[in-house]
Amino acid sequence: MSPMPHEGNCASFCVSGDMSIYRAAELKDELLKAFDSGPALCLDLSQVAEFDTAGLQLLILLARLGAAGGKAFHVTAASEAVNDVFALLGYGAAQDGDWLSRVAARTTEGES
């Protein structure tokens, strides 16, 4: 994961390679550090080659942390691999944001 130039007050990072069970622990640590680096986090997932439900769980974690802590979280771009998983699960495109509002709503309602 590499930092990108900030856009406004959004800390921007690009995730490359696999976002899967094999890298979940490593990415979780990096993503949580990135999340804590500013008032908003923007992730570019356009360079993600492989994406599975472990990667999705990391994104859901960030969405829930953002909703609970009042921080913004956005996916600014997504690869075909990422969008294929989102489409399979009925979430639409990763960068469209509808899935974020559904996850955030569940968080504020206290669902896990």
N, C-alpha and C. Protein backbone atom coordinates (compact mmCIF):
# COMPACT_ATOMS: atom_id res chain seq x y z
N MET A 1 0.85 -1.16 0.00
CA MET A 1 0.00 0.00 0.00
C MET A 1 0.89 1.22 0.00
N SER A 2 0.57 2.18 -0.84
CA SER A 2 1.41 3.36 -0.92
C SER A 2 0.58 4.63 -0.78
N PRO A 3 1.13 5.62 -0.08
CA PRO A 3 0.42 6.90 0.06
C PRO A 3 0.40 7.63 -1.27
N MET A 4 -0.65 8.39 -1.46
CA MET A 4 -0.80 9.23 -2.64
C MET A 4 -0.97 10.67 -2.16
N PRO A 5 -0.87 11.65 -3.05
CA PRO A 5 -1.08 13.04 -2.62
C PRO A 5 -2.47 13.21 -2.01
N HIS A 6 -2.55 14.00 -0.93
CA HIS A 6 -3.83 14.27 -0.28
C HIS A 6 -4.73 15.04 -1.23
N GLU A 7 -6.00 14.70 -1.17
CA GLU A 7 -7.02 15.47 -1.90
C GLU A 7 -7.86 16.16 -0.84
N GLY A 8 -7.66 17.45 -0.68
CA GLY A 8 -8.35 18.16 0.40
C GLY A 8 -7.86 17.62 1.73
N ASN A 9 -8.78 17.21 2.60
CA ASN A 9 -8.38 16.67 3.89
C ASN A 9 -8.44 15.14 3.90
N CYS A 10 -8.47 14.55 2.72
CA CYS A 10 -8.57 13.09 2.59
C CYS A 10 -7.17 12.49 2.41
N ALA A 11 -6.78 11.62 3.34
CA ALA A 11 -5.52 10.89 3.20
C ALA A 11 -5.75 9.81 2.15
N SER A 12 -5.00 9.84 1.08
CA SER A 12 -5.22 8.94 -0.05
C SER A 12 -4.13 7.87 -0.13
N PHE A 13 -4.56 6.63 -0.33
CA PHE A 13 -3.64 5.50 -0.43
C PHE A 13 -4.07 4.60 -1.57
N CYS A 14 -3.09 3.97 -2.20
CA CYS A 14 -3.34 3.02 -3.28
C CYS A 14 -2.93 1.64 -2.80
N VAL A 15 -3.87 0.69 -2.88
CA VAL A 15 -3.58 -0.70 -2.53
C VAL A 15 -3.27 -1.43 -3.83
N SER A 16 -2.15 -2.14 -3.86
CA SER A 16 -1.79 -2.90 -5.06
C SER A 16 -1.54 -4.35 -4.70
N GLY A 17 -1.58 -5.20 -5.70
CA GLY A 17 -1.38 -6.63 -5.47
C GLY A 17 -2.67 -7.27 -5.01
N ASP A 18 -2.56 -8.23 -4.13
CA ASP A 18 -3.73 -8.97 -3.66
C ASP A 18 -4.30 -8.36 -2.39
N MET A 19 -5.60 -8.37 -2.32
CA MET A 19 -6.31 -7.97 -1.11
C MET A 19 -7.14 -9.18 -0.72
N SER A 20 -6.42 -10.17 -0.17
CA SER A 20 -7.03 -11.47 0.08
C SER A 20 -6.63 -12.00 1.45
N ILE A 21 -7.10 -13.18 1.77
CA ILE A 21 -6.83 -13.82 3.04
C ILE A 21 -5.32 -13.92 3.30
N TYR A 22 -4.55 -14.05 2.25
CA TYR A 22 -3.10 -14.21 2.40
C TYR A 22 -2.40 -12.94 2.87
N ARG A 23 -3.04 -11.79 2.69
CA ARG A 23 -2.45 -10.51 3.11
C ARG A 23 -3.31 -9.77 4.10
N ALA A 24 -4.37 -10.38 4.57
CA ALA A 24 -5.36 -9.68 5.39
C ALA A 24 -4.75 -9.06 6.65
N ALA A 25 -3.94 -9.80 7.38
CA ALA A 25 -3.36 -9.27 8.62
C ALA A 25 -2.44 -8.09 8.33
N GLU A 26 -1.59 -8.25 7.33
CA GLU A 26 -0.67 -7.17 6.95
C GLU A 26 -1.44 -5.92 6.52
N LEU A 27 -2.44 -6.11 5.65
CA LEU A 27 -3.21 -4.97 5.16
C LEU A 27 -4.03 -4.33 6.26
N LYS A 28 -4.55 -5.13 7.18
CA LYS A 28 -5.35 -4.57 8.27
C LYS A 28 -4.52 -3.55 9.05
N ASP A 29 -3.31 -3.93 9.42
CA ASP A 29 -2.44 -3.01 10.16
C ASP A 29 -2.18 -1.74 9.37
N GLU A 30 -1.87 -1.89 8.08
CA GLU A 30 -1.58 -0.73 7.23
C GLU A 30 -2.81 0.16 7.05
N LEU A 31 -3.96 -0.47 6.83
CA LEU A 31 -5.19 0.29 6.62
C LEU A 31 -5.62 1.03 7.88
N LEU A 32 -5.45 0.41 9.04
CA LEU A 32 -5.81 1.09 10.29
C LEU A 32 -4.89 2.28 10.55
N LYS A 33 -3.61 2.15 10.24
CA LYS A 33 -2.69 3.28 10.37
C LYS A 33 -3.09 4.40 9.42
N ALA A 34 -3.43 4.02 8.19
CA ALA A 34 -3.86 5.01 7.20
C ALA A 34 -5.15 5.70 7.67
N PHE A 35 -6.06 4.92 8.22
CA PHE A 35 -7.34 5.46 8.69
C PHE A 35 -7.12 6.49 9.79
N ASP A 36 -6.14 6.25 10.63
CA ASP A 36 -5.85 7.16 11.74
C ASP A 36 -5.04 8.39 11.32
N SER A 37 -4.63 8.45 10.06
CA SER A 37 -3.73 9.52 9.62
C SER A 37 -4.43 10.84 9.28
N GLY A 38 -5.74 10.87 9.32
CA GLY A 38 -6.43 12.11 8.99
C GLY A 38 -7.92 11.99 9.21
N PRO A 39 -8.65 13.06 8.92
CA PRO A 39 -10.09 13.06 9.14
C PRO A 39 -10.88 12.24 8.12
N ALA A 40 -10.23 11.87 7.02
CA ALA A 40 -10.91 11.09 5.99
C ALA A 40 -9.89 10.19 5.30
N LEU A 41 -10.35 9.06 4.81
CA LEU A 41 -9.48 8.12 4.10
C LEU A 41 -10.07 7.82 2.74
N CYS A 42 -9.26 7.97 1.70
CA CYS A 42 -9.65 7.64 0.33
C CYS A 42 -8.74 6.52 -0.15
N LEU A 43 -9.34 5.42 -0.60
CA LEU A 43 -8.56 4.29 -1.09
C LEU A 43 -8.76 4.10 -2.58
N ASP A 44 -7.66 3.97 -3.27
CA ASP A 44 -7.65 3.62 -4.69
C ASP A 44 -7.36 2.12 -4.77
N LEU A 45 -8.33 1.35 -5.21
CA LEU A 45 -8.19 -0.10 -5.32
C LEU A 45 -8.03 -0.55 -6.76
N SER A 46 -7.68 0.37 -7.65
CA SER A 46 -7.59 0.05 -9.08
C SER A 46 -6.44 -0.90 -9.41
N GLN A 47 -5.47 -1.04 -8.51
CA GLN A 47 -4.32 -1.92 -8.76
C GLN A 47 -4.43 -3.26 -8.02
N VAL A 48 -5.60 -3.55 -7.46
CA VAL A 48 -5.80 -4.82 -6.74
C VAL A 48 -6.03 -5.93 -7.76
N ALA A 49 -5.17 -6.95 -7.70
CA ALA A 49 -5.23 -8.05 -8.67
C ALA A 49 -6.19 -9.16 -8.23
N GLU A 50 -6.18 -9.47 -6.95
CA GLU A 50 -7.05 -10.52 -6.41
C GLU A 50 -7.75 -9.97 -5.18
N PHE A 51 -9.05 -10.22 -5.10
CA PHE A 51 -9.87 -9.68 -4.02
C PHE A 51 -10.83 -10.76 -3.58
N ASP A 52 -10.88 -11.02 -2.27
CA ASP A 52 -11.82 -12.02 -1.76
C ASP A 52 -12.57 -11.44 -0.57
N THR A 53 -13.31 -12.29 0.13
CA THR A 53 -14.12 -11.80 1.23
C THR A 53 -13.28 -11.27 2.40
N ALA A 54 -12.04 -11.70 2.54
CA ALA A 54 -11.17 -11.12 3.56
C ALA A 54 -10.90 -9.66 3.23
N GLY A 55 -10.67 -9.35 1.96
CA GLY A 55 -10.50 -7.97 1.53
C GLY A 55 -11.76 -7.16 1.76
N LEU A 56 -12.90 -7.76 1.47
CA LEU A 56 -14.17 -7.09 1.70
C LEU A 56 -14.37 -6.81 3.19
N GLN A 57 -14.01 -7.75 4.04
CA GLN A 57 -14.14 -7.54 5.48
C GLN A 57 -13.30 -6.36 5.96
N LEU A 58 -12.14 -6.18 5.36
CA LEU A 58 -11.30 -5.03 5.72
C LEU A 58 -11.99 -3.71 5.35
N LEU A 59 -12.61 -3.68 4.19
CA LEU A 59 -13.32 -2.47 3.77
C LEU A 59 -14.53 -2.21 4.67
N ILE A 60 -15.24 -3.27 5.04
CA ILE A 60 -16.38 -3.12 5.93
C ILE A 60 -15.92 -2.61 7.30
N LEU A 61 -14.79 -3.11 7.78
CA LEU A 61 -14.23 -2.63 9.04
C LEU A 61 -13.99 -1.13 8.98
N LEU A 62 -13.36 -0.66 7.90
CA LEU A 62 -13.10 0.77 7.74
C LEU A 62 -14.39 1.57 7.67
N ALA A 63 -15.38 1.05 6.96
CA ALA A 63 -16.67 1.74 6.85
C ALA A 63 -17.33 1.85 8.22
N ARG A 64 -17.29 0.78 9.00
CA ARG A 64 -17.90 0.80 10.33
C ARG A 64 -17.15 1.70 11.29
N LEU A 65 -15.82 1.67 11.24
CA LEU A 65 -15.03 2.57 12.08
C LEU A 65 -15.32 4.03 11.72
N GLY A 66 -15.44 4.29 10.44
CA GLY A 66 -15.75 5.64 10.00
C GLY A 66 -17.11 6.10 10.49
N ALA A 67 -18.10 5.23 10.37
CA ALA A 67 -19.45 5.58 10.81
C ALA A 67 -19.49 5.80 12.32
N ALA A 68 -18.79 4.97 13.06
CA ALA A 68 -18.79 5.08 14.51
C ALA A 68 -18.01 6.30 15.00
N GLY A 69 -16.95 6.66 14.27
CA GLY A 69 -16.09 7.76 14.71
C GLY A 69 -16.29 9.06 13.97
N GLY A 70 -17.26 9.11 13.06
CA GLY A 70 -17.51 10.34 12.32
C GLY A 70 -16.44 10.67 11.29
N LYS A 71 -15.72 9.66 10.81
CA LYS A 71 -14.70 9.87 9.78
C LYS A 71 -15.25 9.43 8.43
N ALA A 72 -14.85 10.13 7.40
CA ALA A 72 -15.26 9.77 6.05
C ALA A 72 -14.33 8.69 5.50
N PHE A 73 -14.91 7.77 4.75
CA PHE A 73 -14.16 6.72 4.08
C PHE A 73 -14.72 6.57 2.68
N HIS A 74 -13.83 6.59 1.67
CA HIS A 74 -14.26 6.50 0.28
C HIS A 74 -13.35 5.55 -0.49
N VAL A 75 -13.94 4.80 -1.41
CA VAL A 75 -13.18 4.05 -2.41
C VAL A 75 -13.25 4.89 -3.67
N THR A 76 -12.10 5.38 -4.13
CA THR A 76 -12.09 6.30 -5.27
C THR A 76 -12.00 5.58 -6.61
N ALA A 77 -11.45 4.37 -6.61
CA ALA A 77 -11.33 3.58 -7.84
C ALA A 77 -11.21 2.12 -7.44
N ALA A 78 -11.66 1.24 -8.32
CA ALA A 78 -11.61 -0.19 -8.02
C ALA A 78 -11.31 -0.99 -9.28
N SER A 79 -10.56 -2.05 -9.10
CA SER A 79 -10.23 -2.93 -10.22
C SER A 79 -11.42 -3.83 -10.55
N GLU A 80 -11.31 -4.52 -11.67
CA GLU A 80 -12.35 -5.46 -12.07
C GLU A 80 -12.52 -6.56 -11.01
N ALA A 81 -11.42 -7.02 -10.43
CA ALA A 81 -11.48 -8.06 -9.40
C ALA A 81 -12.31 -7.61 -8.20
N VAL A 82 -12.12 -6.37 -7.78
CA VAL A 82 -12.87 -5.82 -6.65
C VAL A 82 -14.34 -5.70 -7.02
N ASN A 83 -14.62 -5.09 -8.16
CA ASN A 83 -16.01 -4.88 -8.55
C ASN A 83 -16.74 -6.19 -8.84
N ASP A 84 -16.03 -7.22 -9.28
CA ASP A 84 -16.66 -8.53 -9.49
C ASP A 84 -17.21 -9.09 -8.18
N VAL A 85 -16.44 -8.99 -7.11
CA VAL A 85 -16.90 -9.48 -5.80
C VAL A 85 -18.07 -8.63 -5.31
N PHE A 86 -17.97 -7.33 -5.46
CA PHE A 86 -19.07 -6.46 -5.04
C PHE A 86 -20.35 -6.78 -5.82
N ALA A 87 -20.23 -6.99 -7.11
CA ALA A 87 -21.40 -7.32 -7.92
C ALA A 87 -21.99 -8.67 -7.52
N LEU A 88 -21.14 -9.64 -7.27
CA LEU A 88 -21.59 -10.97 -6.86
C LEU A 88 -22.42 -10.90 -5.58
N LEU A 89 -22.05 -10.00 -4.68
CA LEU A 89 -22.73 -9.86 -3.40
C LEU A 89 -23.89 -8.85 -3.43
N GLY A 90 -24.13 -8.27 -4.60
CA GLY A 90 -25.23 -7.34 -4.75
C GLY A 90 -24.95 -5.94 -4.22
N TYR A 91 -23.68 -5.58 -4.07
CA TYR A 91 -23.31 -4.27 -3.56
C TYR A 91 -23.17 -3.22 -4.65
N GLY A 92 -23.17 -3.59 -5.91
CA GLY A 92 -22.90 -2.63 -6.97
C GLY A 92 -21.41 -2.39 -7.06
N ALA A 93 -21.01 -1.25 -7.60
CA ALA A 93 -19.59 -0.93 -7.75
C ALA A 93 -19.01 -0.46 -6.42
N ALA A 94 -17.78 -0.85 -6.16
CA ALA A 94 -17.12 -0.51 -4.90
C ALA A 94 -17.04 1.00 -4.69
N GLN A 95 -16.80 1.73 -5.77
CA GLN A 95 -16.61 3.16 -5.63
C GLN A 95 -17.91 3.94 -5.65
N ASP A 96 -19.07 3.27 -5.77
CA ASP A 96 -20.31 4.02 -5.87
C ASP A 96 -20.84 4.50 -4.52
N GLY A 97 -20.43 3.89 -3.43
CA GLY A 97 -20.75 4.42 -2.11
C GLY A 97 -22.03 3.90 -1.48
N ASP A 98 -22.94 3.30 -2.27
CA ASP A 98 -24.18 2.80 -1.68
C ASP A 98 -23.92 1.75 -0.62
N TRP A 99 -22.95 0.89 -0.86
CA TRP A 99 -22.65 -0.16 0.12
C TRP A 99 -22.15 0.44 1.42
N LEU A 100 -21.43 1.56 1.32
CA LEU A 100 -20.92 2.23 2.53
C LEU A 100 -22.07 2.72 3.40
N SER A 101 -23.09 3.28 2.78
CA SER A 101 -24.21 3.80 3.57
C SER A 101 -24.98 2.65 4.22
N ARG A 102 -25.08 1.50 3.54
CA ARG A 102 -25.76 0.35 4.16
C ARG A 102 -24.96 -0.18 5.34
N VAL A 103 -23.65 -0.28 5.19
CA VAL A 103 -22.80 -0.75 6.29
C VAL A 103 -22.85 0.24 7.44
N ALA A 104 -22.78 1.52 7.13
CA ALA A 104 -22.81 2.55 8.17
C ALA A 104 -24.15 2.53 8.91
N ALA A 105 -25.23 2.33 8.19
CA ALA A 105 -26.55 2.27 8.83
C ALA A 105 -26.63 1.10 9.81
N ARG A 106 -26.09 -0.03 9.43
CA ARG A 106 -26.07 -1.18 10.34
C ARG A 106 -25.24 -0.89 11.57
N THR A 107 -24.17 -0.17 11.40
CA THR A 107 -23.28 0.15 12.52
C THR A 107 -23.98 1.08 13.51
N THR A 108 -24.64 2.08 13.01
CA THR A 108 -25.30 3.04 13.91
C THR A 108 -26.52 2.42 14.57
N GLU A 109 -27.10 1.38 13.95
CA GLU A 109 -28.23 0.68 14.55
C GLU A 109 -27.77 -0.37 15.55
N GLY A 110 -26.44 -0.60 15.62
CA GLY A 110 -25.90 -1.56 16.57
C GLY A 110 -25.83 -2.98 16.07
N GLU A 111 -26.09 -3.22 14.77
CA GLU A 111 -25.95 -4.57 14.22
C GLU A 111 -24.49 -4.89 14.02
N SER A 112 -24.16 -6.16 14.08
CA SER A 112 -22.78 -6.56 13.81
C SER A 112 -22.72 -7.46 12.62
